[in-house]
C-alpha atoms as a PDB file:
ATOM      1  CA  MET A   1     123.982 235.270 234.060  1.00  0.00           C
ATOM      2  CA  LYS A   2     126.357 232.747 235.020  1.00  0.00           C
ATOM      3  CA  ARG A   3     125.006 230.512 238.183  1.00  0.00           C
ATOM      4  CA  ILE A   4     126.751 228.027 240.340  1.00  0.00           C
ATOM      5  CA  GLU A   5     124.602 225.365 242.175  1.00  0.00           C
ATOM      6  CA  LEU A   6     126.156 223.166 244.800  1.00  0.00           C
ATOM      7  CA  LYS A   7     124.727 219.946 246.052  1.00  0.00           C
ATOM      8  CA  LEU A   8     125.979 219.614 249.368  1.00  0.00           C
ATOM      9  CA  ASP A   9     125.765 216.878 252.090  1.00  0.00           C
ATOM     10  CA  LEU A  10     123.535 218.062 255.030  1.00  0.00           C
ATOM     11  CA  SER A  11     125.005 216.163 257.277  1.00  0.00           C
ATOM     12  CA  MET A  12     128.285 217.862 257.220  1.00  0.00           C
ATOM     13  CA  VAL A  13     126.975 221.187 256.440  1.00  0.00           C
ATOM     14  CA  GLY A  14     124.646 221.472 259.033  1.00  0.00           C
ATOM     15  CA  PRO A  15     127.186 221.218 262.310  1.00  0.00           C
ATOM     16  CA  LEU A  16     129.302 223.789 260.105  1.00  0.00           C
ATOM     17  CA  LEU A  17     126.432 226.199 260.086  1.00  0.00           C
ATOM     18  CA  ASP A  18     125.937 226.603 264.073  1.00  0.00           C
ATOM     19  CA  LEU A  19     129.412 227.441 263.871  1.00  0.00           C
ATOM     20  CA  MET A  20     129.399 229.820 260.683  1.00  0.00           C
ATOM     21  CA  ARG A  21     126.205 231.321 262.830  1.00  0.00           C
ATOM     22  CA  ARG A  22     127.926 231.782 266.226  1.00  0.00           C
ATOM     23  CA  THR A  23     131.484 233.448 264.306  1.00  0.00           C
ATOM     24  CA  ALA A  24     129.019 235.800 262.513  1.00  0.00           C
ATOM     25  CA  ASP A  25     127.311 237.069 265.767  1.00  0.00           C
ATOM     26  CA  ASP A  26     130.739 237.427 267.112  1.00  0.00           C
ATOM     27  CA  LEU A  27     131.754 239.395 264.272  1.00  0.00           C
ATOM     28  CA  ALA A  28     128.473 241.550 264.539  1.00  0.00           C
ATOM     29  CA  VAL A  29     130.205 243.004 267.590  1.00  0.00           C
ATOM     30  CA  GLY A  30     133.985 243.337 266.669  1.00  0.00           C
ATOM     31  CA  PRO A  31     136.466 243.179 263.426  1.00  0.00           C
ATOM     32  CA  ALA A  32     137.332 240.252 262.054  1.00  0.00           C
ATOM     33  CA  VAL A  33     141.279 241.194 263.211  1.00  0.00           C
ATOM     34  CA  GLN A  34     142.329 244.154 264.711  1.00  0.00           C
ATOM     35  CA  ALA A  35     143.747 246.788 262.470  1.00  0.00           C
ATOM     36  CA  GLY A  36     145.300 249.694 263.150  1.00  0.00           C
ATOM     37  CA  VAL A  37     144.141 252.875 261.127  1.00  0.00           C
ATOM     38  CA  ALA A  38     146.572 255.551 262.919  1.00  0.00           C
ATOM     39  CA  ASP A  39     146.267 258.351 260.269  1.00  0.00           C
ATOM     40  CA  LEU A  40     142.575 258.893 260.869  1.00  0.00           C
ATOM     41  CA  ASP A  41     141.474 261.015 263.856  1.00  0.00           C
ATOM     42  CA  GLU A  42     139.250 259.182 266.373  1.00  0.00           C
ATOM     43  CA  GLU A  43     135.774 260.219 264.894  1.00  0.00           C
ATOM     44  CA  TRP A  44     136.870 259.111 261.185  1.00  0.00           C
ATOM     45  CA  ARG A  45     138.226 255.880 262.829  1.00  0.00           C
ATOM     46  CA  ALA A  46     134.647 255.167 264.688  1.00  0.00           C
ATOM     47  CA  THR A  47     133.061 256.001 261.720  1.00  0.00           C
ATOM     48  CA  TRP A  48     135.014 253.689 259.530  1.00  0.00           C
ATOM     49  CA  ARG A  49     134.700 250.628 261.743  1.00  0.00           C
ATOM     50  CA  ALA A  50     130.767 251.097 262.224  1.00  0.00           C
ATOM     51  CA  ASP A  51     130.640 250.826 258.126  1.00  0.00           C
ATOM     52  CA  LEU A  52     132.911 248.155 257.571  1.00  0.00           C
ATOM     53  CA  GLN A  53     130.832 246.237 260.755  1.00  0.00           C
ATOM     54  CA  GLN A  54     127.778 246.886 259.282  1.00  0.00           C
ATOM     55  CA  GLY A  55     128.768 245.929 255.936  1.00  0.00           C
ATOM     56  CA  ARG A  56     130.262 242.472 257.109  1.00  0.00           C
ATOM     57  CA  THR A  57     127.413 241.994 258.951  1.00  0.00           C
ATOM     58  CA  GLU A  58     124.866 242.218 255.963  1.00  0.00           C
ATOM     59  CA  GLU A  59     127.471 240.154 254.390  1.00  0.00           C
ATOM     60  CA  CYS A  60     127.298 237.528 256.758  1.00  0.00           C
ATOM     61  CA  ARG A  61     123.338 237.439 256.635  1.00  0.00           C
ATOM     62  CA  SER A  62     123.640 237.141 252.859  1.00  0.00           C
ATOM     63  CA  LEU A  63     125.656 234.069 253.481  1.00  0.00           C
ATOM     64  CA  LEU A  64     123.550 232.415 256.096  1.00  0.00           C
ATOM     65  CA  ALA A  65     120.410 233.098 254.391  1.00  0.00           C
ATOM     66  CA  MET A  66     121.577 230.655 251.711  1.00  0.00           C
ATOM     67  CA  PHE A  67     121.047 228.362 254.007  1.00  0.00           C
ATOM     68  CA  ASP A  68     117.713 228.450 254.642  1.00  0.00           C
ATOM     69  CA  ARG A  69     114.423 226.233 254.919  1.00  0.00           C
ATOM     70  CA  GLU A  70     114.687 225.208 250.897  1.00  0.00           C
ATOM     71  CA  PHE A  71     118.431 224.435 251.322  1.00  0.00           C
ATOM     72  CA  PHE A  72     117.439 221.958 254.410  1.00  0.00           C
ATOM     73  CA  VAL A  73     115.143 220.372 252.067  1.00  0.00           C
ATOM     74  CA  SER A  74     116.714 220.228 249.151  1.00  0.00           C
ATOM     75  CA  GLY A  75     120.719 220.262 249.726  1.00  0.00           C
ATOM     76  CA  VAL A  76     121.500 222.794 247.166  1.00  0.00           C
ATOM     77  CA  VAL A  77     122.706 226.505 247.404  1.00  0.00           C
ATOM     78  CA  ALA A  78     123.015 228.730 244.311  1.00  0.00           C
ATOM     79  CA  PHE A  79     125.765 231.284 243.737  1.00  0.00           C
ATOM     80  CA  ASP A  80     124.962 234.086 240.801  1.00  0.00           C
ATOM     81  CA  GLU A  81     126.323 237.435 239.867  1.00  0.00           C
ATOM     82  CA  LYS A  82     124.089 238.988 242.481  1.00  0.00           C
ATOM     83  CA  ASN A  83     125.170 237.339 245.777  1.00  0.00           C
ATOM     84  CA  ALA A  84     128.889 236.322 244.772  1.00  0.00           C
ATOM     85  CA  GLU A  85     130.854 239.224 246.149  1.00  0.00           C
ATOM     86  CA  PRO A  86     129.182 239.645 249.404  1.00  0.00           C
ATOM     87  CA  VAL A  87     129.571 235.808 250.083  1.00  0.00           C
ATOM     88  CA  LEU A  88     133.271 236.035 249.155  1.00  0.00           C
ATOM     89  CA  ARG A  89     133.536 238.606 251.434  1.00  0.00           C
ATOM     90  CA  ALA A  90     131.682 237.067 254.175  1.00  0.00           C
ATOM     91  CA  CYS A  91     133.725 234.023 254.021  1.00  0.00           C
ATOM     92  CA  ALA A  92     136.867 235.668 254.223  1.00  0.00           C
ATOM     93  CA  ALA A  93     135.494 237.556 257.754  1.00  0.00           C
ATOM     94  CA  LEU A  94     134.338 234.317 259.161  1.00  0.00           C
ATOM     95  CA  ARG A  95     137.782 232.884 257.692  1.00  0.00           C
ATOM     96  CA  LEU A  96     139.602 235.517 259.778  1.00  0.00           C
ATOM     97  CA  ARG A  97     137.894 235.043 262.737  1.00  0.00           C
ATOM     98  CA  LEU A  98     138.273 231.290 262.675  1.00  0.00           C
ATOM     99  CA  ARG A  99     142.019 232.168 262.175  1.00  0.00           C
ATOM    100  CA  ALA A 100     142.382 234.344 264.846  1.00  0.00           C
ATOM    101  CA  ARG A 101     140.547 232.229 267.460  1.00  0.00           C
ATOM    102  CA  GLU A 102     139.873 228.484 267.394  1.00  0.00           C
ATOM    103  CA  LEU A 103     142.628 228.010 264.839  1.00  0.00           C
ATOM    104  CA  VAL A 104     145.368 230.207 266.363  1.00  0.00           C
ATOM    105  CA  ALA A 105     147.902 227.192 266.980  1.00  0.00           C
ATOM    106  CA  ILE A 106     147.884 226.215 263.363  1.00  0.00           C
ATOM    107  CA  SER A 107     150.169 227.851 261.322  1.00  0.00           C
ATOM    108  CA  ASP A 108     149.393 229.767 258.178  1.00  0.00           C
ATOM    109  CA  GLN A 109     151.353 227.365 255.849  1.00  0.00           C
ATOM    110  CA  VAL A 110     149.846 224.215 257.814  1.00  0.00           C
ATOM    111  CA  LEU A 111     146.127 226.021 257.280  1.00  0.00           C
ATOM    112  CA  GLU A 112     146.485 227.047 253.946  1.00  0.00           C
ATOM    113  CA  THR A 113     147.673 223.631 252.471  1.00  0.00           C
ATOM    114  CA  GLY A 114     145.436 222.060 254.069  1.00  0.00           C
ATOM    115  CA  ALA A 115     148.237 219.572 255.463  1.00  0.00           C
ATOM    116  CA  VAL A 116     146.118 218.716 258.736  1.00  0.00           C
ATOM    117  CA  ASP A 117     144.739 215.454 259.635  1.00  0.00           C
ATOM    118  CA  PRO A 118     141.434 216.538 261.495  1.00  0.00           C
ATOM    119  CA  ALA A 119     141.231 213.619 263.850  1.00  0.00           C
ATOM    120  CA  GLN A 120     144.456 214.711 265.146  1.00  0.00           C
ATOM    121  CA  LEU A 121     142.566 217.893 266.398  1.00  0.00           C
ATOM    122  CA  GLU A 122     140.429 218.411 269.870  1.00  0.00           C
ATOM    123  CA  PRO A 123     136.593 218.483 268.272  1.00  0.00           C
ATOM    124  CA  THR A 124     136.373 222.054 268.576  1.00  0.00           C
ATOM    125  CA  VAL A 125     139.604 222.827 266.547  1.00  0.00           C
ATOM    126  CA  GLU A 126     139.001 220.073 264.107  1.00  0.00           C
ATOM    127  CA  GLN A 127     135.107 221.933 263.230  1.00  0.00           C
ATOM    128  CA  ALA A 128     136.712 224.997 262.993  1.00  0.00           C
ATOM    129  CA  PHE A 129     139.168 223.768 260.642  1.00  0.00           C
ATOM    130  CA  VAL A 130     136.569 221.744 258.722  1.00  0.00           C
ATOM    131  CA  CYS A 131     134.667 225.242 258.468  1.00  0.00           C
ATOM    132  CA  TYR A 132     137.352 226.685 257.370  1.00  0.00           C
ATOM    133  CA  VAL A 133     138.310 224.759 254.028  1.00  0.00           C
ATOM    134  CA  PHE A 134     134.384 224.825 253.970  1.00  0.00           C
ATOM    135  CA  LEU A 135     134.681 228.617 253.607  1.00  0.00           C
ATOM    136  CA  ALA A 136     137.821 228.285 251.517  1.00  0.00           C
ATOM    137  CA  THR A 137     136.285 226.246 249.189  1.00  0.00           C
ATOM    138  CA  LEU A 138     133.180 227.865 248.590  1.00  0.00           C
ATOM    139  CA  GLN A 139     135.645 231.237 248.045  1.00  0.00           C
ATOM    140  CA  GLU A 140     137.356 229.401 245.474  1.00  0.00           C
ATOM    141  CA  LEU A 141     134.510 227.953 243.295  1.00  0.00           C
ATOM    142  CA  ILE A 142     132.976 231.349 243.072  1.00  0.00           C
ATOM    143  CA  ILE A 143     136.305 232.955 242.120  1.00  0.00           C
ATOM    144  CA  ARG A 144     136.792 230.110 239.566  1.00  0.00           C
ATOM    145  CA  HIS A 145     133.455 230.109 237.820  1.00  0.00           C
ATOM    146  CA  LEU A 146     132.061 233.627 238.609  1.00  0.00           C
ATOM    147  CA  ASP A 147     135.343 235.792 238.434  1.00  0.00           C
ATOM    148  CA  THR A 148     135.208 237.629 235.085  1.00  0.00           C
ATOM    149  CA  ALA A 149     131.126 238.404 236.268  1.00  0.00           C
ATOM    150  CA  ILE A 150     132.811 239.641 239.321  1.00  0.00           C
ATOM    151  CA  LEU A 151     135.983 241.524 237.995  1.00  0.00           C
ATOM    152  CA  GLU A 152     133.614 243.000 235.096  1.00  0.00           C
ATOM    153  CA  GLY A 153     130.851 243.757 237.487  1.00  0.00           C
END
């Protein structure tokens, strides 16, 4: 089984975890982004949204659970074939919510290229930007190193 272990700087990741938890809590009561589902009746739409919300909540819990007591001792998180897909989806949901809320003033092109000087941003926007990049980096690492396992699984 393929496995990725990352050693992270606790002083850098700690503050991001607080934002990730707040964002995950926010996602637990609403969608990452508003999407219309016009061709479904109201009962199907409500069921579909509830299922999505439950899955997203579980995926965010999976991601945040990786940053447990052991992480604060060792600074290491591990990704493998079992947790890769839920973590990818959780990262995507958190990034979408950060994009829609805290990072709304930054264009998609600037966000995706990382062509932002974080020091020029307001502190809350800077933290959201750094968290956005951190989550994108986690996604990239998982896809690059575990993609065959995900695609074949």
